[in-house]
């Protein structure tokens, strides 16, 4: 069982990670756009696969931080990219 001090530190760390995630969202969306435009090249990966992977990452991280609507939107984007 965690001590109150450990729980407080964990809560602070999670809040900092959540803030960083929010701050990085515009860049993540640009990365998806760049992948779809073929501007991002990952060896052994098609641009569409890169865009899908990025959307999937947003989806999972958003869910982890309880951003339900963002997670759902990222899932819809992931599906749209796949189709």
N, C-alpha and C. Protein backbone atom coordinates (compact mmCIF):
# COMPACT_ATOMS: atom_id res chain seq x y z
N UNK A 1 0.84 -1.17 0.00
CA UNK A 1 0.00 0.00 0.00
C UNK A 1 0.89 1.25 0.00
N UNK A 2 0.48 2.26 -0.78
CA UNK A 2 1.27 3.49 -0.88
C UNK A 2 0.98 4.41 0.29
N UNK A 3 2.02 5.11 0.67
CA UNK A 3 1.85 6.13 1.71
C UNK A 3 1.17 7.35 1.09
N UNK A 4 0.65 8.22 1.93
CA UNK A 4 0.02 9.45 1.43
C UNK A 4 1.01 10.27 0.63
N UNK A 5 2.24 10.30 1.08
CA UNK A 5 3.30 11.03 0.40
C UNK A 5 3.55 10.46 -1.00
N UNK A 6 3.61 9.15 -1.09
CA UNK A 6 3.82 8.50 -2.39
C UNK A 6 2.63 8.74 -3.31
N UNK A 7 1.43 8.68 -2.77
CA UNK A 7 0.23 8.94 -3.56
C UNK A 7 0.23 10.38 -4.07
N UNK A 8 0.64 11.31 -3.24
CA UNK A 8 0.70 12.72 -3.64
C UNK A 8 1.72 12.92 -4.76
N UNK A 9 2.87 12.28 -4.63
CA UNK A 9 3.90 12.38 -5.67
C UNK A 9 3.41 11.78 -6.99
N UNK A 10 2.74 10.65 -6.89
CA UNK A 10 2.19 10.01 -8.08
C UNK A 10 1.14 10.90 -8.74
N UNK A 11 0.27 11.49 -7.94
CA UNK A 11 -0.76 12.38 -8.47
C UNK A 11 -0.12 13.60 -9.16
N UNK A 12 0.93 14.14 -8.57
CA UNK A 12 1.63 15.28 -9.17
C UNK A 12 2.29 14.88 -10.49
N UNK A 13 2.88 13.72 -10.51
CA UNK A 13 3.55 13.24 -11.73
C UNK A 13 2.53 13.00 -12.84
N UNK A 14 1.40 12.38 -12.48
CA UNK A 14 0.36 12.14 -13.48
C UNK A 14 -0.20 13.46 -14.01
N UNK A 15 -0.37 14.45 -13.15
CA UNK A 15 -0.86 15.76 -13.58
C UNK A 15 0.14 16.40 -14.54
N UNK A 16 1.42 16.26 -14.26
CA UNK A 16 2.45 16.82 -15.14
C UNK A 16 2.45 16.11 -16.49
N UNK A 17 2.32 14.80 -16.49
CA UNK A 17 2.26 14.04 -17.74
C UNK A 17 1.03 14.41 -18.56
N UNK A 18 -0.08 14.58 -17.88
CA UNK A 18 -1.33 14.96 -18.54
C UNK A 18 -1.18 16.33 -19.20
N UNK A 19 -0.56 17.26 -18.49
CA UNK A 19 -0.34 18.61 -19.02
C UNK A 19 0.58 18.55 -20.24
N UNK A 20 1.63 17.75 -20.17
CA UNK A 20 2.54 17.60 -21.29
C UNK A 20 1.82 17.04 -22.51
N UNK A 21 0.99 16.04 -22.28
CA UNK A 21 0.22 15.44 -23.38
C UNK A 21 -0.65 16.49 -24.06
N UNK A 22 -1.35 17.28 -23.28
CA UNK A 22 -2.21 18.33 -23.84
C UNK A 22 -1.36 19.34 -24.62
N UNK A 23 -0.24 19.72 -24.06
CA UNK A 23 0.65 20.69 -24.71
C UNK A 23 1.18 20.16 -26.05
N UNK A 24 1.39 18.86 -26.14
CA UNK A 24 1.97 18.26 -27.35
C UNK A 24 0.95 17.94 -28.43
N UNK A 25 -0.35 18.06 -28.14
CA UNK A 25 -1.38 17.68 -29.11
C UNK A 25 -1.25 18.39 -30.45
N UNK A 26 -1.05 19.70 -30.49
CA UNK A 26 -0.94 20.33 -31.82
C UNK A 26 0.18 19.72 -32.67
N UNK A 27 1.32 19.44 -32.06
CA UNK A 27 2.43 18.83 -32.80
C UNK A 27 2.08 17.41 -33.25
N UNK A 28 1.38 16.68 -32.42
CA UNK A 28 0.98 15.31 -32.80
C UNK A 28 0.05 15.34 -34.01
N UNK A 29 -0.84 16.31 -34.05
CA UNK A 29 -1.75 16.42 -35.19
C UNK A 29 -0.99 16.81 -36.46
N UNK A 30 -0.01 17.67 -36.31
CA UNK A 30 0.84 18.02 -37.47
C UNK A 30 1.60 16.78 -37.95
N UNK A 31 2.05 15.95 -37.04
CA UNK A 31 2.76 14.73 -37.42
C UNK A 31 1.85 13.81 -38.23
N UNK A 32 0.58 13.72 -37.83
CA UNK A 32 -0.37 12.89 -38.59
C UNK A 32 -0.55 13.47 -39.98
N UNK A 33 -0.74 14.78 -40.07
CA UNK A 33 -0.89 15.43 -41.38
C UNK A 33 0.36 15.19 -42.23
N UNK A 34 1.53 15.33 -41.64
CA UNK A 34 2.77 15.11 -42.37
C UNK A 34 2.90 13.66 -42.84
N UNK A 35 2.50 12.73 -42.00
CA UNK A 35 2.56 11.32 -42.38
C UNK A 35 1.62 11.06 -43.56
N UNK A 36 0.42 11.61 -43.49
CA UNK A 36 -0.53 11.42 -44.59
C UNK A 36 -0.04 12.06 -45.89
N UNK A 37 0.73 13.13 -45.77
CA UNK A 37 1.28 13.81 -46.95
C UNK A 37 2.59 13.18 -47.42
N UNK A 38 3.03 12.14 -46.71
CA UNK A 38 4.27 11.46 -47.08
C UNK A 38 5.53 12.21 -46.67
N UNK A 39 5.39 13.18 -45.78
CA UNK A 39 6.54 13.97 -45.33
C UNK A 39 7.33 13.27 -44.23
N UNK A 40 6.71 12.32 -43.57
CA UNK A 40 7.40 11.54 -42.52
C UNK A 40 7.68 10.17 -43.10
N UNK A 41 8.92 9.79 -43.08
CA UNK A 41 9.30 8.49 -43.62
C UNK A 41 9.90 7.66 -42.48
N UNK A 42 9.24 6.56 -42.20
CA UNK A 42 9.75 5.59 -41.21
C UNK A 42 10.15 4.36 -42.01
N UNK A 43 11.40 3.96 -41.90
CA UNK A 43 11.90 2.83 -42.67
C UNK A 43 11.02 1.61 -42.42
N UNK A 44 10.56 1.01 -43.50
CA UNK A 44 9.75 -0.20 -43.41
C UNK A 44 8.29 0.05 -43.09
N UNK A 45 7.87 1.32 -43.13
CA UNK A 45 6.48 1.63 -42.78
C UNK A 45 5.90 2.58 -43.83
N UNK A 46 4.74 2.25 -44.33
CA UNK A 46 4.05 3.12 -45.28
C UNK A 46 3.56 4.36 -44.55
N UNK A 47 3.46 5.49 -45.25
CA UNK A 47 2.98 6.72 -44.62
C UNK A 47 1.61 6.56 -43.94
N UNK A 48 0.71 5.82 -44.57
CA UNK A 48 -0.60 5.59 -43.98
C UNK A 48 -0.47 4.84 -42.66
N UNK A 49 0.42 3.86 -42.61
CA UNK A 49 0.63 3.10 -41.38
C UNK A 49 1.19 4.01 -40.28
N UNK A 50 2.06 4.95 -40.66
CA UNK A 50 2.60 5.89 -39.67
C UNK A 50 1.49 6.76 -39.11
N UNK A 51 0.63 7.27 -39.98
CA UNK A 51 -0.48 8.11 -39.54
C UNK A 51 -1.42 7.32 -38.63
N UNK A 52 -1.70 6.09 -39.01
CA UNK A 52 -2.59 5.25 -38.19
C UNK A 52 -1.97 4.98 -36.82
N UNK A 53 -0.68 4.70 -36.80
CA UNK A 53 0.02 4.45 -35.53
C UNK A 53 -0.02 5.68 -34.64
N UNK A 54 0.20 6.85 -35.22
CA UNK A 54 0.15 8.09 -34.45
C UNK A 54 -1.24 8.32 -33.87
N UNK A 55 -2.28 8.11 -34.67
CA UNK A 55 -3.65 8.27 -34.19
C UNK A 55 -3.94 7.27 -33.07
N UNK A 56 -3.46 6.05 -33.24
CA UNK A 56 -3.66 5.01 -32.22
C UNK A 56 -2.98 5.41 -30.91
N UNK A 57 -1.80 5.99 -31.01
CA UNK A 57 -1.08 6.44 -29.83
C UNK A 57 -1.85 7.54 -29.10
N UNK A 58 -2.39 8.48 -29.85
CA UNK A 58 -3.20 9.53 -29.24
C UNK A 58 -4.41 8.90 -28.56
N UNK A 59 -5.03 7.96 -29.24
CA UNK A 59 -6.21 7.30 -28.67
C UNK A 59 -5.91 6.66 -27.31
N UNK A 60 -4.85 5.90 -27.26
CA UNK A 60 -4.51 5.19 -26.03
C UNK A 60 -4.10 6.13 -24.91
N UNK A 61 -3.29 7.11 -25.24
CA UNK A 61 -2.84 8.05 -24.21
C UNK A 61 -4.00 8.89 -23.71
N UNK A 62 -4.87 9.32 -24.62
CA UNK A 62 -6.04 10.09 -24.21
C UNK A 62 -6.92 9.28 -23.26
N UNK A 63 -7.10 8.01 -23.56
CA UNK A 63 -7.89 7.15 -22.68
C UNK A 63 -7.23 7.01 -21.31
N UNK A 64 -5.92 6.87 -21.30
CA UNK A 64 -5.18 6.76 -20.04
C UNK A 64 -5.42 7.96 -19.14
N UNK A 65 -5.48 9.15 -19.76
CA UNK A 65 -5.66 10.39 -19.00
C UNK A 65 -7.12 10.80 -18.89
N UNK A 66 -8.03 9.90 -19.22
CA UNK A 66 -9.49 10.12 -19.09
C UNK A 66 -10.02 11.24 -19.99
N UNK A 67 -9.39 11.41 -21.15
CA UNK A 67 -9.91 12.33 -22.16
C UNK A 67 -10.78 11.50 -23.11
N UNK A 68 -11.98 11.15 -22.65
CA UNK A 68 -12.83 10.22 -23.38
C UNK A 68 -13.17 10.70 -24.79
N UNK A 69 -13.58 11.96 -24.92
CA UNK A 69 -13.96 12.46 -26.25
C UNK A 69 -12.78 12.49 -27.21
N UNK A 70 -11.63 12.87 -26.72
CA UNK A 70 -10.44 12.87 -27.56
C UNK A 70 -10.08 11.45 -27.96
N UNK A 71 -10.17 10.51 -27.04
CA UNK A 71 -9.89 9.12 -27.35
C UNK A 71 -10.84 8.60 -28.43
N UNK A 72 -12.11 8.93 -28.30
CA UNK A 72 -13.10 8.51 -29.30
C UNK A 72 -12.82 9.14 -30.65
N UNK A 73 -12.47 10.43 -30.66
CA UNK A 73 -12.16 11.11 -31.92
C UNK A 73 -10.92 10.52 -32.58
N UNK A 74 -9.92 10.19 -31.77
CA UNK A 74 -8.70 9.59 -32.31
C UNK A 74 -9.00 8.20 -32.89
N UNK A 75 -9.91 7.47 -32.25
CA UNK A 75 -10.32 6.17 -32.78
C UNK A 75 -10.99 6.34 -34.14
N UNK A 76 -11.88 7.33 -34.24
CA UNK A 76 -12.55 7.59 -35.52
C UNK A 76 -11.53 7.97 -36.59
N UNK A 77 -10.54 8.75 -36.22
CA UNK A 77 -9.48 9.11 -37.16
C UNK A 77 -8.69 7.89 -37.57
N UNK A 78 -8.37 7.06 -36.60
CA UNK A 78 -7.62 5.83 -36.88
C UNK A 78 -8.37 4.96 -37.89
N UNK A 79 -9.67 4.81 -37.69
CA UNK A 79 -10.51 3.99 -38.60
C UNK A 79 -10.55 4.65 -39.98
N UNK A 80 -10.73 5.97 -40.02
CA UNK A 80 -10.79 6.67 -41.30
C UNK A 80 -9.49 6.53 -42.07
N UNK A 81 -8.37 6.59 -41.38
CA UNK A 81 -7.07 6.44 -42.04
C UNK A 81 -6.94 5.03 -42.59
N UNK A 82 -7.39 4.06 -41.82
CA UNK A 82 -7.29 2.65 -42.22
C UNK A 82 -8.11 2.37 -43.47
N UNK A 83 -9.25 3.05 -43.58
CA UNK A 83 -10.16 2.81 -44.73
C UNK A 83 -9.65 3.57 -45.88
